[in-house]
Amino acid sequence: MSDADVAALLVRVVLGIVMIAHGLNHWRGGGRIEGTARWFTGLGLRSGTLQAWMSVVTEVGAGALLVAGLLTPLACAAVISVMLVAGVLAHRPNGFFVFKEGYEYVLVLSVVSLALAVLGPGRLSVDHAGGIEVTGWAGGGIALGVAVAATAGLLGVFWRPAPKPAEQEAR
């Protein structure tokens, strides 16, 4: 077992646990699913309850896949897509720093996910054991391509931001 295999395992497991915790928090934390739905609706997403459940399933599912090292490029794509949506809708207007609700955190999770997709899950993974490991630019391309397509699809179908005050006055 190489140092790279141990590093890939460490990154996969930590990123996976972070995503599982994030999904469980959307489901069972503070405002529960209803509060998460209200928050998504407040960001301009239609069908807030559906969005809340989709985020829970995506985050917990991607996290579990990452911990196992199964379908790693697709699990990374799910993380990148969730972070792109969060970055665009919730964090971008606040600047860079996370302590000001900026996009620093979601950027780091996205880049770590993309790097993991390029590097691969390592030998200590279900992908490797099953002979389905996709690494290099193919893994990165799958992760980034699927993430961008999923994000564009979600925003295209569900994002309807409220008009700005100047737009409302013009009507």
N, C-alpha and C. Protein backbone atom coordinates (compact mmCIF):
# COMPACT_ATOMS: atom_id res chain seq x y z
N MET A 1 0.85 -1.18 0.00
CA MET A 1 0.00 0.00 0.00
C MET A 1 0.90 1.24 0.00
N SER A 2 0.64 2.16 -0.93
CA SER A 2 1.49 3.34 -1.07
C SER A 2 0.94 4.50 -0.23
N ASP A 3 1.79 5.52 -0.09
CA ASP A 3 1.37 6.74 0.59
C ASP A 3 0.18 7.37 -0.13
N ALA A 4 0.17 7.30 -1.46
CA ALA A 4 -0.93 7.87 -2.24
C ALA A 4 -2.25 7.15 -1.95
N ASP A 5 -2.20 5.84 -1.74
CA ASP A 5 -3.41 5.09 -1.41
C ASP A 5 -3.96 5.51 -0.05
N VAL A 6 -3.07 5.70 0.91
CA VAL A 6 -3.50 6.14 2.24
C VAL A 6 -4.06 7.56 2.16
N ALA A 7 -3.41 8.43 1.40
CA ALA A 7 -3.90 9.80 1.25
C ALA A 7 -5.26 9.83 0.57
N ALA A 8 -5.46 9.03 -0.46
CA ALA A 8 -6.76 8.97 -1.14
C ALA A 8 -7.83 8.48 -0.19
N LEU A 9 -7.51 7.46 0.59
CA LEU A 9 -8.46 6.95 1.59
C LEU A 9 -8.82 8.04 2.59
N LEU A 10 -7.83 8.74 3.09
CA LEU A 10 -8.07 9.80 4.07
C LEU A 10 -8.97 10.90 3.48
N VAL A 11 -8.66 11.35 2.28
CA VAL A 11 -9.47 12.39 1.64
C VAL A 11 -10.89 11.89 1.40
N ARG A 12 -11.02 10.68 0.86
CA ARG A 12 -12.35 10.12 0.58
C ARG A 12 -13.20 10.02 1.84
N VAL A 13 -12.62 9.47 2.89
CA VAL A 13 -13.38 9.23 4.12
C VAL A 13 -13.77 10.55 4.78
N VAL A 14 -12.85 11.48 4.87
CA VAL A 14 -13.17 12.76 5.51
C VAL A 14 -14.20 13.53 4.68
N LEU A 15 -14.00 13.61 3.37
CA LEU A 15 -14.96 14.30 2.51
C LEU A 15 -16.32 13.60 2.58
N GLY A 16 -16.32 12.28 2.58
CA GLY A 16 -17.57 11.53 2.67
C GLY A 16 -18.31 11.79 3.97
N ILE A 17 -17.58 11.79 5.08
CA ILE A 17 -18.21 12.06 6.38
C ILE A 17 -18.75 13.48 6.44
N VAL A 18 -18.00 14.43 5.90
CA VAL A 18 -18.48 15.82 5.87
C VAL A 18 -19.78 15.91 5.09
N MET A 19 -19.85 15.24 3.95
CA MET A 19 -21.07 15.30 3.13
C MET A 19 -22.24 14.58 3.80
N ILE A 20 -21.98 13.45 4.44
CA ILE A 20 -23.04 12.75 5.17
C ILE A 20 -23.57 13.65 6.29
N ALA A 21 -22.67 14.26 7.04
CA ALA A 21 -23.08 15.15 8.13
C ALA A 21 -23.88 16.33 7.59
N HIS A 22 -23.46 16.87 6.48
CA HIS A 22 -24.16 18.01 5.86
C HIS A 22 -25.58 17.59 5.47
N GLY A 23 -25.71 16.42 4.83
CA GLY A 23 -27.03 15.93 4.43
C GLY A 23 -27.92 15.64 5.63
N LEU A 24 -27.36 15.00 6.64
CA LEU A 24 -28.15 14.71 7.84
C LEU A 24 -28.59 15.99 8.54
N ASN A 25 -27.75 17.01 8.51
CA ASN A 25 -28.12 18.30 9.10
C ASN A 25 -29.28 18.93 8.33
N HIS A 26 -29.28 18.81 7.01
CA HIS A 26 -30.41 19.33 6.23
C HIS A 26 -31.71 18.59 6.59
N TRP A 27 -31.58 17.34 6.94
CA TRP A 27 -32.74 16.51 7.24
C TRP A 27 -33.19 16.65 8.69
N ARG A 28 -32.25 16.46 9.62
CA ARG A 28 -32.60 16.34 11.04
C ARG A 28 -32.16 17.53 11.88
N GLY A 29 -31.34 18.43 11.32
CA GLY A 29 -30.81 19.55 12.10
C GLY A 29 -31.83 20.64 12.31
N GLY A 30 -31.43 21.67 13.02
CA GLY A 30 -32.20 22.86 13.33
C GLY A 30 -33.63 22.91 12.84
N GLY A 31 -33.82 23.37 11.61
CA GLY A 31 -35.17 23.54 11.08
C GLY A 31 -35.73 22.30 10.44
N ARG A 32 -34.96 21.20 10.49
CA ARG A 32 -35.37 19.93 9.89
C ARG A 32 -35.64 20.13 8.40
N ILE A 33 -36.34 19.24 7.78
CA ILE A 33 -36.56 19.30 6.34
C ILE A 33 -37.40 20.53 5.97
N GLU A 34 -38.32 20.91 6.85
CA GLU A 34 -39.17 22.08 6.58
C GLU A 34 -38.34 23.36 6.55
N GLY A 35 -37.42 23.49 7.48
CA GLY A 35 -36.55 24.67 7.51
C GLY A 35 -35.62 24.70 6.31
N THR A 36 -35.09 23.56 5.94
CA THR A 36 -34.24 23.48 4.75
C THR A 36 -35.03 23.85 3.51
N ALA A 37 -36.27 23.38 3.44
CA ALA A 37 -37.14 23.72 2.29
C ALA A 37 -37.38 25.22 2.23
N ARG A 38 -37.66 25.84 3.37
CA ARG A 38 -37.86 27.29 3.39
C ARG A 38 -36.60 28.02 2.94
N TRP A 39 -35.43 27.54 3.38
CA TRP A 39 -34.18 28.17 3.01
C TRP A 39 -33.97 28.08 1.50
N PHE A 40 -34.20 26.89 0.92
CA PHE A 40 -34.05 26.74 -0.52
C PHE A 40 -35.03 27.63 -1.28
N THR A 41 -36.25 27.71 -0.80
CA THR A 41 -37.24 28.58 -1.43
C THR A 41 -36.77 30.03 -1.36
N GLY A 42 -36.21 30.41 -0.23
CA GLY A 42 -35.68 31.76 -0.06
C GLY A 42 -34.53 32.08 -1.00
N LEU A 43 -33.83 31.05 -1.46
CA LEU A 43 -32.75 31.24 -2.43
C LEU A 43 -33.26 31.35 -3.86
N GLY A 44 -34.57 31.19 -4.03
CA GLY A 44 -35.16 31.30 -5.36
C GLY A 44 -35.44 29.98 -6.04
N LEU A 45 -35.33 28.87 -5.30
CA LEU A 45 -35.61 27.55 -5.88
C LEU A 45 -37.08 27.20 -5.68
N ARG A 46 -37.71 26.77 -6.75
CA ARG A 46 -39.09 26.28 -6.65
C ARG A 46 -39.08 24.89 -6.03
N SER A 47 -40.21 24.48 -5.51
CA SER A 47 -40.36 23.15 -4.92
C SER A 47 -39.33 22.92 -3.81
N GLY A 48 -39.38 23.80 -2.81
CA GLY A 48 -38.39 23.76 -1.73
C GLY A 48 -38.30 22.43 -1.02
N THR A 49 -39.43 21.77 -0.79
CA THR A 49 -39.40 20.48 -0.11
C THR A 49 -38.70 19.43 -0.97
N LEU A 50 -39.00 19.41 -2.24
CA LEU A 50 -38.31 18.50 -3.15
C LEU A 50 -36.81 18.79 -3.16
N GLN A 51 -36.44 20.07 -3.21
CA GLN A 51 -35.02 20.45 -3.20
C GLN A 51 -34.34 20.00 -1.91
N ALA A 52 -35.05 20.15 -0.79
CA ALA A 52 -34.47 19.74 0.49
C ALA A 52 -34.20 18.24 0.50
N TRP A 53 -35.18 17.45 0.06
CA TRP A 53 -34.97 16.00 0.03
C TRP A 53 -33.91 15.61 -0.98
N MET A 54 -33.88 16.28 -2.13
CA MET A 54 -32.84 15.98 -3.12
C MET A 54 -31.45 16.27 -2.56
N SER A 55 -31.32 17.35 -1.80
CA SER A 55 -30.02 17.66 -1.21
C SER A 55 -29.63 16.61 -0.17
N VAL A 56 -30.59 16.17 0.64
CA VAL A 56 -30.30 15.14 1.65
C VAL A 56 -29.84 13.86 0.97
N VAL A 57 -30.59 13.40 0.00
CA VAL A 57 -30.26 12.14 -0.68
C VAL A 57 -28.92 12.26 -1.41
N THR A 58 -28.70 13.39 -2.08
CA THR A 58 -27.45 13.58 -2.82
C THR A 58 -26.26 13.64 -1.88
N GLU A 59 -26.36 14.41 -0.81
CA GLU A 59 -25.23 14.58 0.11
C GLU A 59 -24.92 13.29 0.88
N VAL A 60 -25.95 12.65 1.41
CA VAL A 60 -25.72 11.39 2.15
C VAL A 60 -25.26 10.30 1.19
N GLY A 61 -25.89 10.21 0.03
CA GLY A 61 -25.51 9.20 -0.96
C GLY A 61 -24.09 9.38 -1.47
N ALA A 62 -23.75 10.60 -1.84
CA ALA A 62 -22.38 10.87 -2.31
C ALA A 62 -21.37 10.60 -1.21
N GLY A 63 -21.71 10.99 0.02
CA GLY A 63 -20.81 10.74 1.14
C GLY A 63 -20.56 9.26 1.35
N ALA A 64 -21.62 8.47 1.30
CA ALA A 64 -21.47 7.02 1.48
C ALA A 64 -20.64 6.41 0.35
N LEU A 65 -20.88 6.85 -0.88
CA LEU A 65 -20.10 6.35 -2.01
C LEU A 65 -18.62 6.71 -1.85
N LEU A 66 -18.35 7.92 -1.38
CA LEU A 66 -16.96 8.33 -1.18
C LEU A 66 -16.28 7.49 -0.10
N VAL A 67 -16.96 7.28 1.01
CA VAL A 67 -16.37 6.47 2.09
C VAL A 67 -16.01 5.09 1.56
N ALA A 68 -16.89 4.50 0.76
CA ALA A 68 -16.64 3.16 0.21
C ALA A 68 -15.66 3.18 -0.96
N GLY A 69 -15.52 4.34 -1.59
CA GLY A 69 -14.70 4.40 -2.81
C GLY A 69 -15.40 3.72 -3.97
N LEU A 70 -16.70 3.94 -4.07
CA LEU A 70 -17.52 3.33 -5.10
C LEU A 70 -18.05 4.40 -6.05
N LEU A 71 -17.87 4.19 -7.34
CA LEU A 71 -18.31 5.16 -8.36
C LEU A 71 -17.77 6.55 -8.04
N THR A 72 -16.50 6.58 -7.73
CA THR A 72 -15.86 7.79 -7.20
C THR A 72 -16.05 9.02 -8.08
N PRO A 73 -15.84 8.96 -9.40
CA PRO A 73 -16.05 10.18 -10.19
C PRO A 73 -17.48 10.71 -10.11
N LEU A 74 -18.46 9.81 -10.02
CA LEU A 74 -19.86 10.25 -9.91
C LEU A 74 -20.15 10.82 -8.52
N ALA A 75 -19.58 10.22 -7.49
CA ALA A 75 -19.73 10.76 -6.14
C ALA A 75 -19.10 12.15 -6.06
N CYS A 76 -17.94 12.31 -6.68
CA CYS A 76 -17.29 13.62 -6.71
C CYS A 76 -18.14 14.62 -7.50
N ALA A 77 -18.75 14.16 -8.58
CA ALA A 77 -19.64 15.03 -9.37
C ALA A 77 -20.79 15.53 -8.51
N ALA A 78 -21.35 14.66 -7.69
CA ALA A 78 -22.47 15.05 -6.83
C ALA A 78 -22.02 16.13 -5.84
N VAL A 79 -20.84 15.95 -5.26
CA VAL A 79 -20.34 16.95 -4.31
C VAL A 79 -20.11 18.28 -5.03
N ILE A 80 -19.46 18.22 -6.18
CA ILE A 80 -19.18 19.46 -6.93
C ILE A 80 -20.49 20.15 -7.29
N SER A 81 -21.48 19.41 -7.74
CA SER A 81 -22.75 20.01 -8.13
C SER A 81 -23.44 20.67 -6.94
N VAL A 82 -23.51 19.99 -5.82
CA VAL A 82 -24.12 20.56 -4.62
C VAL A 82 -23.39 21.85 -4.23
N MET A 83 -22.07 21.82 -4.29
CA MET A 83 -21.29 22.99 -3.91
C MET A 83 -21.43 24.12 -4.93
N LEU A 84 -21.56 23.78 -6.21
CA LEU A 84 -21.80 24.82 -7.22
C LEU A 84 -23.13 25.53 -6.97
N VAL A 85 -24.16 24.76 -6.71
CA VAL A 85 -25.46 25.36 -6.43
C VAL A 85 -25.36 26.25 -5.18
N ALA A 86 -24.76 25.73 -4.13
CA ALA A 86 -24.61 26.52 -2.90
C ALA A 86 -23.77 27.76 -3.15
N GLY A 87 -22.70 27.60 -3.90
CA GLY A 87 -21.83 28.74 -4.19
C GLY A 87 -22.53 29.82 -4.97
N VAL A 88 -23.24 29.42 -6.01
CA VAL A 88 -23.92 30.39 -6.87
C VAL A 88 -25.08 31.07 -6.14
N LEU A 89 -25.92 30.29 -5.47
CA LEU A 89 -27.13 30.85 -4.89
C LEU A 89 -26.94 31.47 -3.51
N ALA A 90 -26.13 30.86 -2.67
CA ALA A 90 -26.07 31.30 -1.28
C ALA A 90 -24.80 32.05 -0.91
N HIS A 91 -23.66 31.70 -1.49
CA HIS A 91 -22.39 32.22 -0.98
C HIS A 91 -21.71 33.26 -1.85
N ARG A 92 -21.88 33.20 -3.16
CA ARG A 92 -21.19 34.12 -4.07
C ARG A 92 -21.41 35.59 -3.73
N PRO A 93 -22.64 36.01 -3.44
CA PRO A 93 -22.86 37.43 -3.16
C PRO A 93 -22.14 37.94 -1.91
N ASN A 94 -21.68 37.02 -1.06
CA ASN A 94 -21.07 37.41 0.21
C ASN A 94 -19.56 37.51 0.16
N GLY A 95 -18.97 37.34 -1.00
CA GLY A 95 -17.52 37.42 -1.11
C GLY A 95 -16.86 36.08 -0.83
N PHE A 96 -15.56 36.12 -0.61
CA PHE A 96 -14.75 34.91 -0.52
C PHE A 96 -14.83 34.21 0.84
N PHE A 97 -14.68 34.94 1.93
CA PHE A 97 -14.43 34.33 3.23
C PHE A 97 -15.65 33.68 3.86
N VAL A 98 -15.45 32.46 4.36
CA VAL A 98 -16.54 31.68 4.96
C VAL A 98 -17.10 32.37 6.20
N PHE A 99 -16.27 33.09 6.95
CA PHE A 99 -16.78 33.74 8.16
C PHE A 99 -17.72 34.89 7.83
N LYS A 100 -17.80 35.26 6.57
CA LYS A 100 -18.79 36.24 6.11
C LYS A 100 -19.83 35.57 5.22
N GLU A 101 -19.97 34.24 5.38
CA GLU A 101 -20.89 33.42 4.57
C GLU A 101 -20.50 33.40 3.10
N GLY A 102 -19.19 33.56 2.83
CA GLY A 102 -18.69 33.55 1.46
C GLY A 102 -18.49 32.14 0.92
N TYR A 103 -17.91 32.08 -0.27
CA TYR A 103 -17.81 30.81 -1.01
C TYR A 103 -16.52 30.02 -0.78
N GLU A 104 -15.70 30.44 0.16
CA GLU A 104 -14.43 29.77 0.45
C GLU A 104 -14.61 28.27 0.70
N TYR A 105 -15.52 27.89 1.58
CA TYR A 105 -15.73 26.50 1.97
C TYR A 105 -16.22 25.66 0.80
N VAL A 106 -17.21 26.15 0.06
CA VAL A 106 -17.73 25.36 -1.05
C VAL A 106 -16.71 25.25 -2.17
N LEU A 107 -15.88 26.25 -2.34
CA LEU A 107 -14.80 26.18 -3.33
C LEU A 107 -13.80 25.09 -2.96
N VAL A 108 -13.41 25.04 -1.70
CA VAL A 108 -12.44 24.03 -1.26
C VAL A 108 -13.02 22.62 -1.42
N LEU A 109 -14.26 22.41 -1.01
CA LEU A 109 -14.85 21.08 -1.18
C LEU A 109 -14.95 20.69 -2.65
N SER A 110 -15.27 21.65 -3.51
CA SER A 110 -15.36 21.37 -4.95
C SER A 110 -14.01 20.99 -5.53
N VAL A 111 -12.99 21.74 -5.21
CA VAL A 111 -11.66 21.48 -5.76
C VAL A 111 -11.09 20.17 -5.22
N VAL A 112 -11.31 19.90 -3.94
CA VAL A 112 -10.86 18.62 -3.37
C VAL A 112 -11.57 17.46 -4.08
N SER A 113 -12.85 17.62 -4.35
CA SER A 113 -13.60 16.58 -5.06
C SER A 113 -13.07 16.38 -6.47
N LEU A 114 -12.81 17.46 -7.17
CA LEU A 114 -12.27 17.35 -8.52
C LEU A 114 -10.88 16.70 -8.49
N ALA A 115 -10.04 17.11 -7.55
CA ALA A 115 -8.71 16.50 -7.43
C ALA A 115 -8.82 15.01 -7.13
N LEU A 116 -9.74 14.62 -6.26
CA LEU A 116 -9.93 13.21 -5.94
C LEU A 116 -10.38 12.44 -7.17
N ALA A 117 -11.26 13.02 -7.96
CA ALA A 117 -11.72 12.36 -9.19
C ALA A 117 -10.56 12.15 -10.15
N VAL A 118 -9.64 13.10 -10.23
CA VAL A 118 -8.47 12.97 -11.11
C VAL A 118 -7.50 11.93 -10.55
N LEU A 119 -7.22 12.00 -9.26
CA LEU A 119 -6.26 11.09 -8.64
C LEU A 119 -6.80 9.67 -8.50
N GLY A 120 -8.11 9.55 -8.34
CA GLY A 120 -8.72 8.24 -8.17
C GLY A 120 -8.85 7.88 -6.71
N PRO A 121 -9.64 6.85 -6.42
CA PRO A 121 -9.96 6.49 -5.05
C PRO A 121 -8.85 5.72 -4.33
N GLY A 122 -7.88 5.26 -5.05
CA GLY A 122 -6.81 4.48 -4.45
C GLY A 122 -7.14 3.00 -4.36
N ARG A 123 -6.14 2.23 -3.94
CA ARG A 123 -6.32 0.78 -3.88
C ARG A 123 -7.28 0.31 -2.81
N LEU A 124 -7.47 1.14 -1.78
CA LEU A 124 -8.36 0.77 -0.68
C LEU A 124 -9.78 1.27 -0.98
N SER A 125 -10.32 0.80 -2.09
CA SER A 125 -11.64 1.25 -2.52
C SER A 125 -12.38 0.11 -3.22
N VAL A 126 -13.68 0.21 -3.25
CA VAL A 126 -14.50 -0.75 -3.96
C VAL A 126 -14.24 -0.63 -5.47
N ASP A 127 -14.04 0.59 -5.95
CA ASP A 127 -13.73 0.79 -7.37
C ASP A 127 -12.51 -0.03 -7.79
N HIS A 128 -11.46 0.06 -7.00
CA HIS A 128 -10.23 -0.68 -7.32
C HIS A 128 -10.48 -2.19 -7.22
N ALA A 129 -11.11 -2.61 -6.15
CA ALA A 129 -11.37 -4.04 -5.96
C ALA A 129 -12.23 -4.62 -7.08
N GLY A 130 -13.16 -3.82 -7.58
CA GLY A 130 -14.06 -4.28 -8.64
C GLY A 130 -13.53 -4.04 -10.04
N GLY A 131 -12.35 -3.44 -10.14
CA GLY A 131 -11.76 -3.17 -11.45
C GLY A 131 -12.49 -2.10 -12.25
N ILE A 132 -13.17 -1.18 -11.56
CA ILE A 132 -13.92 -0.13 -12.26
C ILE A 132 -13.37 1.27 -11.94
N GLU A 133 -12.13 1.31 -11.50
CA GLU A 133 -11.49 2.57 -11.13
C GLU A 133 -11.26 3.43 -12.38
N VAL A 134 -11.73 4.67 -12.35
CA VAL A 134 -11.50 5.63 -13.43
C VAL A 134 -10.67 6.76 -12.83
N THR A 135 -9.50 7.00 -13.39
CA THR A 135 -8.59 8.00 -12.84
C THR A 135 -8.13 8.94 -13.94
N GLY A 136 -7.29 9.88 -13.56
CA GLY A 136 -6.71 10.82 -14.53
C GLY A 136 -7.76 11.78 -15.04
N TRP A 137 -7.47 12.30 -16.23
CA TRP A 137 -8.38 13.30 -16.80
C TRP A 137 -9.74 12.70 -17.14
N ALA A 138 -9.81 11.39 -17.33
CA ALA A 138 -11.12 10.76 -17.56
C ALA A 138 -11.98 10.89 -16.31
N GLY A 139 -11.42 10.56 -15.15
CA GLY A 139 -12.16 10.70 -13.90
C GLY A 139 -12.54 12.14 -13.61
N GLY A 140 -11.59 13.04 -13.82
CA GLY A 140 -11.87 14.46 -13.61
C GLY A 140 -12.89 14.99 -14.59
N GLY A 141 -12.79 14.55 -15.84
CA GLY A 141 -13.74 15.00 -16.87
C GLY A 141 -15.15 14.52 -16.58
N ILE A 142 -15.26 13.27 -16.13
CA ILE A 142 -16.58 12.75 -15.76
C ILE A 142 -17.14 13.57 -14.60
N ALA A 143 -16.34 13.78 -13.57
CA ALA A 143 -16.82 14.51 -12.39
C ALA A 143 -17.24 15.93 -12.75
N LEU A 144 -16.39 16.63 -13.47
CA LEU A 144 -16.70 18.02 -13.79
C LEU A 144 -17.84 18.12 -14.79
N GLY A 145 -17.84 17.28 -15.80
CA GLY A 145 -18.90 17.31 -16.80
C GLY A 145 -20.27 17.00 -16.23
N VAL A 146 -20.36 15.94 -15.44
CA VAL A 146 -21.63 15.58 -14.82
C VAL A 146 -22.07 16.66 -13.84
N ALA A 147 -21.13 17.21 -13.07
CA ALA A 147 -21.47 18.26 -12.10
C ALA A 147 -22.02 19.51 -12.78
N VAL A 148 -21.36 19.95 -13.83
CA VAL A 148 -21.82 21.16 -14.53
C VAL A 148 -23.17 20.92 -15.19
N ALA A 149 -23.35 19.75 -15.81
CA ALA A 149 -24.63 19.44 -16.44
C ALA A 149 -25.75 19.35 -15.40
N ALA A 150 -25.49 18.70 -14.27
CA ALA A 150 -26.51 18.57 -13.22
C ALA A 150 -26.86 19.93 -12.63
N THR A 151 -25.85 20.75 -12.39
CA THR A 151 -26.09 22.08 -11.84
C THR A 151 -26.90 22.93 -12.80
N ALA A 152 -26.50 22.93 -14.07
CA ALA A 152 -27.23 23.70 -15.08
C ALA A 152 -28.68 23.22 -15.20
N GLY A 153 -28.87 21.90 -15.16
CA GLY A 153 -30.21 21.35 -15.23
C GLY A 153 -31.06 21.77 -14.05
N LEU A 154 -30.51 21.64 -12.85
CA LEU A 154 -31.26 22.01 -11.65
C LEU A 154 -31.61 23.49 -11.67
N LEU A 155 -30.64 24.35 -11.97
CA LEU A 155 -30.92 25.78 -11.98
C LEU A 155 -31.88 26.15 -13.10
N GLY A 156 -31.74 25.51 -14.26
CA GLY A 156 -32.63 25.80 -15.38
C GLY A 156 -34.07 25.42 -15.10
N VAL A 157 -34.27 24.35 -14.39
CA VAL A 157 -35.63 23.87 -14.13
C VAL A 157 -36.24 24.52 -12.87
N PHE A 158 -35.45 24.70 -11.82
CA PHE A 158 -36.01 25.08 -10.53
C PHE A 158 -35.71 26.49 -10.05
N TRP A 159 -34.71 27.17 -10.60
CA TRP A 159 -34.32 28.47 -10.04
C TRP A 159 -35.13 29.59 -10.67
N ARG A 160 -35.89 30.25 -9.86
CA ARG A 160 -36.69 31.40 -10.27
C ARG A 160 -36.52 32.49 -9.21
N PRO A 161 -35.41 33.25 -9.29
CA PRO A 161 -35.16 34.25 -8.25
C PRO A 161 -36.23 35.34 -8.26
N ALA A 162 -36.48 35.89 -7.08
CA ALA A 162 -37.44 36.98 -6.96
C ALA A 162 -36.89 38.20 -7.69
N PRO A 163 -37.76 38.97 -8.32
CA PRO A 163 -37.30 40.18 -9.01
C PRO A 163 -36.67 41.15 -8.02
N LYS A 164 -35.67 41.88 -8.50
CA LYS A 164 -35.03 42.89 -7.66
C LYS A 164 -35.98 44.08 -7.53
N PRO A 165 -35.84 44.88 -6.48
CA PRO A 165 -36.75 46.01 -6.27
C PRO A 165 -36.86 46.92 -7.50
N ALA A 166 -35.79 47.20 -8.19
CA ALA A 166 -35.84 48.07 -9.37
C ALA A 166 -36.68 47.43 -10.47
N GLU A 167 -36.61 46.12 -10.60
CA GLU A 167 -37.40 45.41 -11.62
C GLU A 167 -38.88 45.45 -11.25
N GLN A 168 -39.19 45.38 -9.96
CA GLN A 168 -40.59 45.42 -9.53
C GLN A 168 -41.20 46.78 -9.78
N GLU A 169 -40.41 47.86 -9.57
CA GLU A 169 -40.91 49.21 -9.81
C GLU A 169 -41.19 49.46 -11.28
N ALA A 170 -40.42 48.83 -12.17
CA ALA A 170 -40.58 49.03 -13.61
C ALA A 170 -41.84 48.37 -14.12
N ARG A 171 -42.40 47.46 -13.37
CA ARG A 171 -43.59 46.72 -13.83
C ARG A 171 -44.84 47.49 -13.62
